[in-house]
C-alpha cells in the first residue's frame, strides 16, 4: 500500500471519531475565516462540492454565497475520463446522488460552467501540508482539474489534518490558501 493511501486511511479514521460538537466547532471556525477572505467576498462564481457526511460542511458556504447573489457551481464526476464538469445550481431539485454517493448537479436541469468562469475553487482533501499540497480522496479528479484551472484555490481543513510534509508526485499542485478553524495559511509564502 502506498504511503499516501496509508496516510489517507489513518486520517479518515481519526476524523470519523470526532464528536458532532467538535465537528461543528471546526466547521464554524472554517466558515468564519473563509467569509472574511477577499477571495470569497469578491468571487462572483464559486466552485464547491456538495459535502457528504465525511467532509466538512459546505451547505452553509453554499447558502451564504447564494444569500450574497453569488453563483454556486458544483462538480459532476465524469468517471470514464476522470474529469470534473461544473454546473451552476440553486435548488435541491437540481442535484441527485452521483458518483460514489456524492451529490451532483443534474446536467439537464443546470448550466455547465467552464473552469475559466469560476473565480474561487474550494478544493476538498483529507490531509494537507503548509505548502498547500494535499492528499485527496484517491480519485485523481482534482489533480487533473488544477492543471487547467487559473482562478483562486482554497481548501478547508482542521488543524488535525495538517502535517509537516506530504509525499508528492510531479503532477501534484498546491492550493493557494488553507483555511482551518484557527487560521488562514497563504501557501505561496510557505513555498518561498
C-alpha atoms as a PDB file:
ATOM      1  CA  UNK A   1       0.000   0.000   0.000  1.00  0.00           C
ATOM      2  CA  UNK A   2       1.338   3.455  -0.908  1.00  0.00           C
ATOM      3  CA  UNK A   3       2.353   5.970   1.759  1.00  0.00           C
ATOM      4  CA  UNK A   4      -0.419   8.331   0.597  1.00  0.00           C
ATOM      5  CA  UNK A   5      -3.047   5.607   0.905  1.00  0.00           C
ATOM      6  CA  UNK A   6      -1.890   4.710   4.439  1.00  0.00           C
ATOM      7  CA  UNK A   7      -1.947   8.393   5.496  1.00  0.00           C
ATOM      8  CA  UNK A   8      -5.406   8.858   3.945  1.00  0.00           C
ATOM      9  CA  UNK A   9      -6.904   5.834   5.712  1.00  0.00           C
ATOM     10  CA  UNK A  10      -5.397   6.828   9.071  1.00  0.00           C
ATOM     11  CA  UNK A  11      -6.715  10.412   8.827  1.00  0.00           C
ATOM     12  CA  UNK A  12     -10.196   9.350   7.682  1.00  0.00           C
ATOM     13  CA  UNK A  13     -10.380   7.032  10.696  1.00  0.00           C
ATOM     14  CA  UNK A  14      -9.289   9.861  13.036  1.00  0.00           C
ATOM     15  CA  UNK A  15     -11.835  12.268  11.539  1.00  0.00           C
ATOM     16  CA  UNK A  16     -14.628   9.691  11.855  1.00  0.00           C
ATOM     17  CA  UNK A  17     -14.044   9.633  15.624  1.00  0.00           C
ATOM     18  CA  UNK A  18     -14.751  13.363  16.074  1.00  0.00           C
ATOM     19  CA  UNK A  19     -17.904  14.141  18.024  1.00  0.00           C
ATOM     20  CA  UNK A  20     -20.675  16.145  16.347  1.00  0.00           C
ATOM     21  CA  UNK A  21     -19.871  19.049  18.661  1.00  0.00           C
ATOM     22  CA  UNK A  22     -16.158  19.018  17.750  1.00  0.00           C
ATOM     23  CA  UNK A  23     -17.016  18.813  14.039  1.00  0.00           C
ATOM     24  CA  UNK A  24     -19.380  21.779  14.374  1.00  0.00           C
ATOM     25  CA  UNK A  25     -16.690  23.840  16.163  1.00  0.00           C
ATOM     26  CA  UNK A  26     -14.213  23.170  13.338  1.00  0.00           C
ATOM     27  CA  UNK A  27     -16.790  23.962  10.633  1.00  0.00           C
ATOM     28  CA  UNK A  28     -17.909  27.191  12.304  1.00  0.00           C
ATOM     29  CA  UNK A  29     -14.288  28.320  12.619  1.00  0.00           C
ATOM     30  CA  UNK A  30     -13.524  27.461   8.983  1.00  0.00           C
ATOM     31  CA  UNK A  31     -16.599  29.311   7.733  1.00  0.00           C
ATOM     32  CA  UNK A  32     -15.894  32.426   9.795  1.00  0.00           C
ATOM     33  CA  UNK A  33     -12.356  32.540   8.366  1.00  0.00           C
ATOM     34  CA  UNK A  34     -13.484  31.807   4.788  1.00  0.00           C
ATOM     35  CA  UNK A  35     -16.169  34.510   4.758  1.00  0.00           C
ATOM     36  CA  UNK A  36     -13.559  37.180   5.669  1.00  0.00           C
ATOM     37  CA  UNK A  37     -11.277  36.385   2.724  1.00  0.00           C
ATOM     38  CA  UNK A  38     -11.183  38.707  -0.299  1.00  0.00           C
ATOM     39  CA  UNK A  39     -11.288  35.540  -2.440  1.00  0.00           C
ATOM     40  CA  UNK A  40     -14.741  34.664  -1.079  1.00  0.00           C
ATOM     41  CA  UNK A  41     -16.035  38.225  -0.854  1.00  0.00           C
ATOM     42  CA  UNK A  42     -15.012  39.140  -4.408  1.00  0.00           C
ATOM     43  CA  UNK A  43     -15.979  35.876  -6.129  1.00  0.00           C
ATOM     44  CA  UNK A  44     -18.992  36.023  -8.429  1.00  0.00           C
ATOM     45  CA  UNK A  45     -18.866  32.257  -9.062  1.00  0.00           C
ATOM     46  CA  UNK A  46     -17.670  29.696  -6.534  1.00  0.00           C
ATOM     47  CA  UNK A  47     -16.870  26.089  -7.382  1.00  0.00           C
ATOM     48  CA  UNK A  48     -17.592  23.817  -4.423  1.00  0.00           C
ATOM     49  CA  UNK A  49     -18.508  20.196  -3.819  1.00  0.00           C
ATOM     50  CA  UNK A  50     -21.767  19.343  -2.098  1.00  0.00           C
ATOM     51  CA  UNK A  51     -20.429  17.877   1.143  1.00  0.00           C
ATOM     52  CA  UNK A  52     -21.018  14.320   2.286  1.00  0.00           C
ATOM     53  CA  UNK A  53     -21.081  13.225   5.924  1.00  0.00           C
ATOM     54  CA  UNK A  54     -17.318  12.568   5.955  1.00  0.00           C
ATOM     55  CA  UNK A  55     -16.448  16.023   4.599  1.00  0.00           C
ATOM     56  CA  UNK A  56     -16.600  19.441   6.226  1.00  0.00           C
ATOM     57  CA  UNK A  57     -19.972  21.141   5.762  1.00  0.00           C
ATOM     58  CA  UNK A  58     -20.251  23.117   2.525  1.00  0.00           C
ATOM     59  CA  UNK A  59     -24.035  23.642   2.690  1.00  0.00           C
ATOM     60  CA  UNK A  60     -23.507  26.670   4.961  1.00  0.00           C
ATOM     61  CA  UNK A  61     -20.966  28.080   2.480  1.00  0.00           C
ATOM     62  CA  UNK A  62     -23.368  27.479  -0.410  1.00  0.00           C
ATOM     63  CA  UNK A  63     -26.289  29.170   1.365  1.00  0.00           C
ATOM     64  CA  UNK A  64     -24.142  32.157   2.381  1.00  0.00           C
ATOM     65  CA  UNK A  65     -22.934  32.553  -1.232  1.00  0.00           C
ATOM     66  CA  UNK A  66     -26.490  32.386  -2.581  1.00  0.00           C
ATOM     67  CA  UNK A  67     -27.563  34.958   0.010  1.00  0.00           C
ATOM     68  CA  UNK A  68     -24.915  37.293  -1.411  1.00  0.00           C
ATOM     69  CA  UNK A  69     -26.051  36.751  -5.004  1.00  0.00           C
ATOM     70  CA  UNK A  70     -23.129  34.530  -5.971  1.00  0.00           C
ATOM     71  CA  UNK A  71     -23.337  31.631  -8.409  1.00  0.00           C
ATOM     72  CA  UNK A  72     -22.582  28.193  -6.985  1.00  0.00           C
ATOM     73  CA  UNK A  73     -21.149  25.616  -9.389  1.00  0.00           C
ATOM     74  CA  UNK A  74     -20.661  22.053  -8.197  1.00  0.00           C
ATOM     75  CA  UNK A  75     -18.827  19.204  -9.905  1.00  0.00           C
ATOM     76  CA  UNK A  76     -20.147  16.168 -11.695  1.00  0.00           C
ATOM     77  CA  UNK A  77     -17.579  13.370 -11.968  1.00  0.00           C
ATOM     78  CA  UNK A  78     -17.069  12.107 -15.491  1.00  0.00           C
ATOM     79  CA  UNK A  79     -15.904   8.627 -14.490  1.00  0.00           C
ATOM     80  CA  UNK A  80     -14.634   7.473 -17.896  1.00  0.00           C
ATOM     81  CA  UNK A  81     -12.362  10.495 -18.429  1.00  0.00           C
ATOM     82  CA  UNK A  82     -11.678  11.250 -14.721  1.00  0.00           C
ATOM     83  CA  UNK A  83     -12.747  14.860 -15.340  1.00  0.00           C
ATOM     84  CA  UNK A  84     -14.893  17.231 -13.315  1.00  0.00           C
ATOM     85  CA  UNK A  85     -17.593  19.201 -15.116  1.00  0.00           C
ATOM     86  CA  UNK A  86     -19.069  22.066 -13.085  1.00  0.00           C
ATOM     87  CA  UNK A  87     -22.727  23.063 -13.232  1.00  0.00           C
ATOM     88  CA  UNK A  88     -24.464  26.070 -11.669  1.00  0.00           C
ATOM     89  CA  UNK A  89     -27.409  25.126  -9.466  1.00  0.00           C
ATOM     90  CA  UNK A  90     -29.645  26.920  -6.989  1.00  0.00           C
ATOM     91  CA  UNK A  91     -32.216  24.407  -5.782  1.00  0.00           C
ATOM     92  CA  UNK A  92     -32.248  20.915  -4.221  1.00  0.00           C
ATOM     93  CA  UNK A  93     -34.301  19.562  -7.133  1.00  0.00           C
ATOM     94  CA  UNK A  94     -31.292  20.226  -9.407  1.00  0.00           C
ATOM     95  CA  UNK A  95     -28.999  17.752  -7.611  1.00  0.00           C
ATOM     96  CA  UNK A  96     -29.003  13.989  -7.146  1.00  0.00           C
ATOM     97  CA  UNK A  97     -26.809  11.179  -5.842  1.00  0.00           C
ATOM     98  CA  UNK A  98     -23.977  10.598  -8.284  1.00  0.00           C
ATOM     99  CA  UNK A  99     -20.502   9.064  -8.346  1.00  0.00           C
ATOM    100  CA  UNK A 100     -19.594   7.346  -5.026  1.00  0.00           C
ATOM    101  CA  UNK A 101     -22.810   8.614  -3.419  1.00  0.00           C
ATOM    102  CA  UNK A 102     -21.739  12.240  -3.806  1.00  0.00           C
ATOM    103  CA  UNK A 103     -24.498  14.751  -4.569  1.00  0.00           C
ATOM    104  CA  UNK A 104     -24.025  16.129  -8.083  1.00  0.00           C
ATOM    105  CA  UNK A 105     -25.870  18.585 -10.302  1.00  0.00           C
ATOM    106  CA  UNK A 106     -28.253  17.130 -12.879  1.00  0.00           C
ATOM    107  CA  UNK A 107     -26.900  18.373 -16.246  1.00  0.00           C
ATOM    108  CA  UNK A 108     -30.387  18.580 -17.831  1.00  0.00           C
ATOM    109  CA  UNK A 109     -31.585  20.935 -15.074  1.00  0.00           C
ATOM    110  CA  UNK A 110     -28.451  23.092 -14.741  1.00  0.00           C
ATOM    111  CA  UNK A 111     -25.979  25.101 -16.800  1.00  0.00           C
ATOM    112  CA  UNK A 112     -22.399  23.931 -17.345  1.00  0.00           C
ATOM    113  CA  UNK A 113     -19.804  26.460 -16.195  1.00  0.00           C
ATOM    114  CA  UNK A 114     -16.312  26.482 -17.734  1.00  0.00           C
ATOM    115  CA  UNK A 115     -13.349  26.480 -15.338  1.00  0.00           C
ATOM    116  CA  UNK A 116     -12.430  29.964 -16.561  1.00  0.00           C
ATOM    117  CA  UNK A 117     -15.708  31.351 -15.138  1.00  0.00           C
ATOM    118  CA  UNK A 118     -15.065  30.002 -11.628  1.00  0.00           C
ATOM    119  CA  UNK A 119     -13.442  32.747  -9.539  1.00  0.00           C
ATOM    120  CA  UNK A 120     -12.890  30.669  -6.411  1.00  0.00           C
ATOM    121  CA  UNK A 121     -12.498  26.898  -6.245  1.00  0.00           C
ATOM    122  CA  UNK A 122     -12.866  25.206  -2.864  1.00  0.00           C
ATOM    123  CA  UNK A 123     -10.759  22.056  -3.199  1.00  0.00           C
ATOM    124  CA  UNK A 124     -11.555  19.089  -0.946  1.00  0.00           C
ATOM    125  CA  UNK A 125      -8.905  16.922   0.640  1.00  0.00           C
ATOM    126  CA  UNK A 126      -8.050  14.603   3.501  1.00  0.00           C
ATOM    127  CA  UNK A 127      -4.543  15.748   4.503  1.00  0.00           C
ATOM    128  CA  UNK A 128      -2.614  18.949   3.779  1.00  0.00           C
ATOM    129  CA  UNK A 129       0.794  20.415   4.385  1.00  0.00           C
ATOM    130  CA  UNK A 130       1.556  24.099   4.932  1.00  0.00           C
ATOM    131  CA  UNK A 131       2.787  24.468   1.359  1.00  0.00           C
ATOM    132  CA  UNK A 132      -0.699  23.663   0.066  1.00  0.00           C
ATOM    133  CA  UNK A 133      -0.105  20.131  -1.144  1.00  0.00           C
ATOM    134  CA  UNK A 134      -2.893  17.705  -0.398  1.00  0.00           C
ATOM    135  CA  UNK A 135      -3.907  14.094  -0.316  1.00  0.00           C
ATOM    136  CA  UNK A 136      -7.414  13.837  -1.683  1.00  0.00           C
ATOM    137  CA  UNK A 137      -9.902  11.014  -1.621  1.00  0.00           C
ATOM    138  CA  UNK A 138      -7.969   8.997  -4.191  1.00  0.00           C
ATOM    139  CA  UNK A 139      -9.773   9.586  -7.477  1.00  0.00           C
ATOM    140  CA  UNK A 140      -7.245  11.999  -9.019  1.00  0.00           C
ATOM    141  CA  UNK A 141     -10.021  14.267 -10.337  1.00  0.00           C
ATOM    142  CA  UNK A 142      -8.716  17.459  -8.743  1.00  0.00           C
ATOM    143  CA  UNK A 143      -5.103  16.805  -9.765  1.00  0.00           C
ATOM    144  CA  UNK A 144      -6.288  16.844 -13.374  1.00  0.00           C
ATOM    145  CA  UNK A 145      -8.520  19.880 -12.912  1.00  0.00           C
ATOM    146  CA  UNK A 146      -5.956  22.025 -11.102  1.00  0.00           C
ATOM    147  CA  UNK A 147      -3.593  21.683 -14.069  1.00  0.00           C
ATOM    148  CA  UNK A 148      -6.141  23.652 -16.164  1.00  0.00           C
ATOM    149  CA  UNK A 149      -7.560  25.994 -13.510  1.00  0.00           C
ATOM    150  CA  UNK A 150      -6.278  29.570 -13.184  1.00  0.00           C
ATOM    151  CA  UNK A 151      -8.571  31.060 -10.510  1.00  0.00           C
ATOM    152  CA  UNK A 152      -8.057  31.137  -6.744  1.00  0.00           C
ATOM    153  CA  UNK A 153      -7.888  27.849  -4.835  1.00  0.00           C
ATOM    154  CA  UNK A 154      -8.751  27.362  -1.168  1.00  0.00           C
ATOM    155  CA  UNK A 155      -9.094  24.224   0.926  1.00  0.00           C
ATOM    156  CA  UNK A 156     -10.966  23.854   4.197  1.00  0.00           C
ATOM    157  CA  UNK A 157      -9.430  21.545   6.782  1.00  0.00           C
ATOM    158  CA  UNK A 158      -8.921  21.152  10.508  1.00  0.00           C
ATOM    159  CA  UNK A 159      -5.636  21.757  12.317  1.00  0.00           C
ATOM    160  CA  UNK A 160      -5.653  17.983  12.837  1.00  0.00           C
ATOM    161  CA  UNK A 161      -5.387  17.444   9.053  1.00  0.00           C
ATOM    162  CA  UNK A 162      -2.182  19.474   8.692  1.00  0.00           C
ATOM    163  CA  UNK A 163       1.056  17.507   8.582  1.00  0.00           C
ATOM    164  CA  UNK A 164       4.655  18.618   8.085  1.00  0.00           C
ATOM    165  CA  UNK A 165       5.137  17.348   4.540  1.00  0.00           C
ATOM    166  CA  UNK A 166       3.086  15.302   2.123  1.00  0.00           C
ATOM    167  CA  UNK A 167       4.763  12.842  -0.227  1.00  0.00           C
ATOM    168  CA  UNK A 168       4.055  14.254  -3.654  1.00  0.00           C
ATOM    169  CA  UNK A 169       4.192  13.360  -7.305  1.00  0.00           C
ATOM    170  CA  UNK A 170       5.334  15.581 -10.168  1.00  0.00           C
ATOM    171  CA  UNK A 171       1.717  16.271 -11.205  1.00  0.00           C
ATOM    172  CA  UNK A 172       0.586  17.409  -7.707  1.00  0.00           C
ATOM    173  CA  UNK A 173      -0.290  21.102  -7.498  1.00  0.00           C
ATOM    174  CA  UNK A 174      -0.763  23.095  -4.281  1.00  0.00           C
ATOM    175  CA  UNK A 175      -3.792  25.150  -3.309  1.00  0.00           C
ATOM    176  CA  UNK A 176      -3.168  28.847  -2.617  1.00  0.00           C
ATOM    177  CA  UNK A 177      -4.806  29.055   0.799  1.00  0.00           C
ATOM    178  CA  UNK A 178      -5.655  26.572   3.518  1.00  0.00           C
ATOM    179  CA  UNK A 179      -8.330  27.596   5.986  1.00  0.00           C
ATOM    180  CA  UNK A 180      -8.605  25.840   9.325  1.00  0.00           C
ATOM    181  CA  UNK A 181     -10.786  26.556  12.326  1.00  0.00           C
ATOM    182  CA  UNK A 182      -7.946  28.740  13.672  1.00  0.00           C
ATOM    183  CA  UNK A 183      -6.175  30.438  10.774  1.00  0.00           C
ATOM    184  CA  UNK A 184      -5.652  31.146   7.098  1.00  0.00           C
ATOM    185  CA  UNK A 185      -2.425  29.854   5.611  1.00  0.00           C
ATOM    186  CA  UNK A 186      -1.225  31.554   2.426  1.00  0.00           C
ATOM    187  CA  UNK A 187       0.700  28.656   0.981  1.00  0.00           C
ATOM    188  CA  UNK A 188       2.740  30.631  -1.563  1.00  0.00           C
ATOM    189  CA  UNK A 189       4.504  32.233   1.417  1.00  0.00           C
ATOM    190  CA  UNK A 190       5.440  28.745   2.658  1.00  0.00           C
ATOM    191  CA  UNK A 191       6.868  27.784  -0.761  1.00  0.00           C
ATOM    192  CA  UNK A 192       9.482  30.523  -0.930  1.00  0.00           C
END
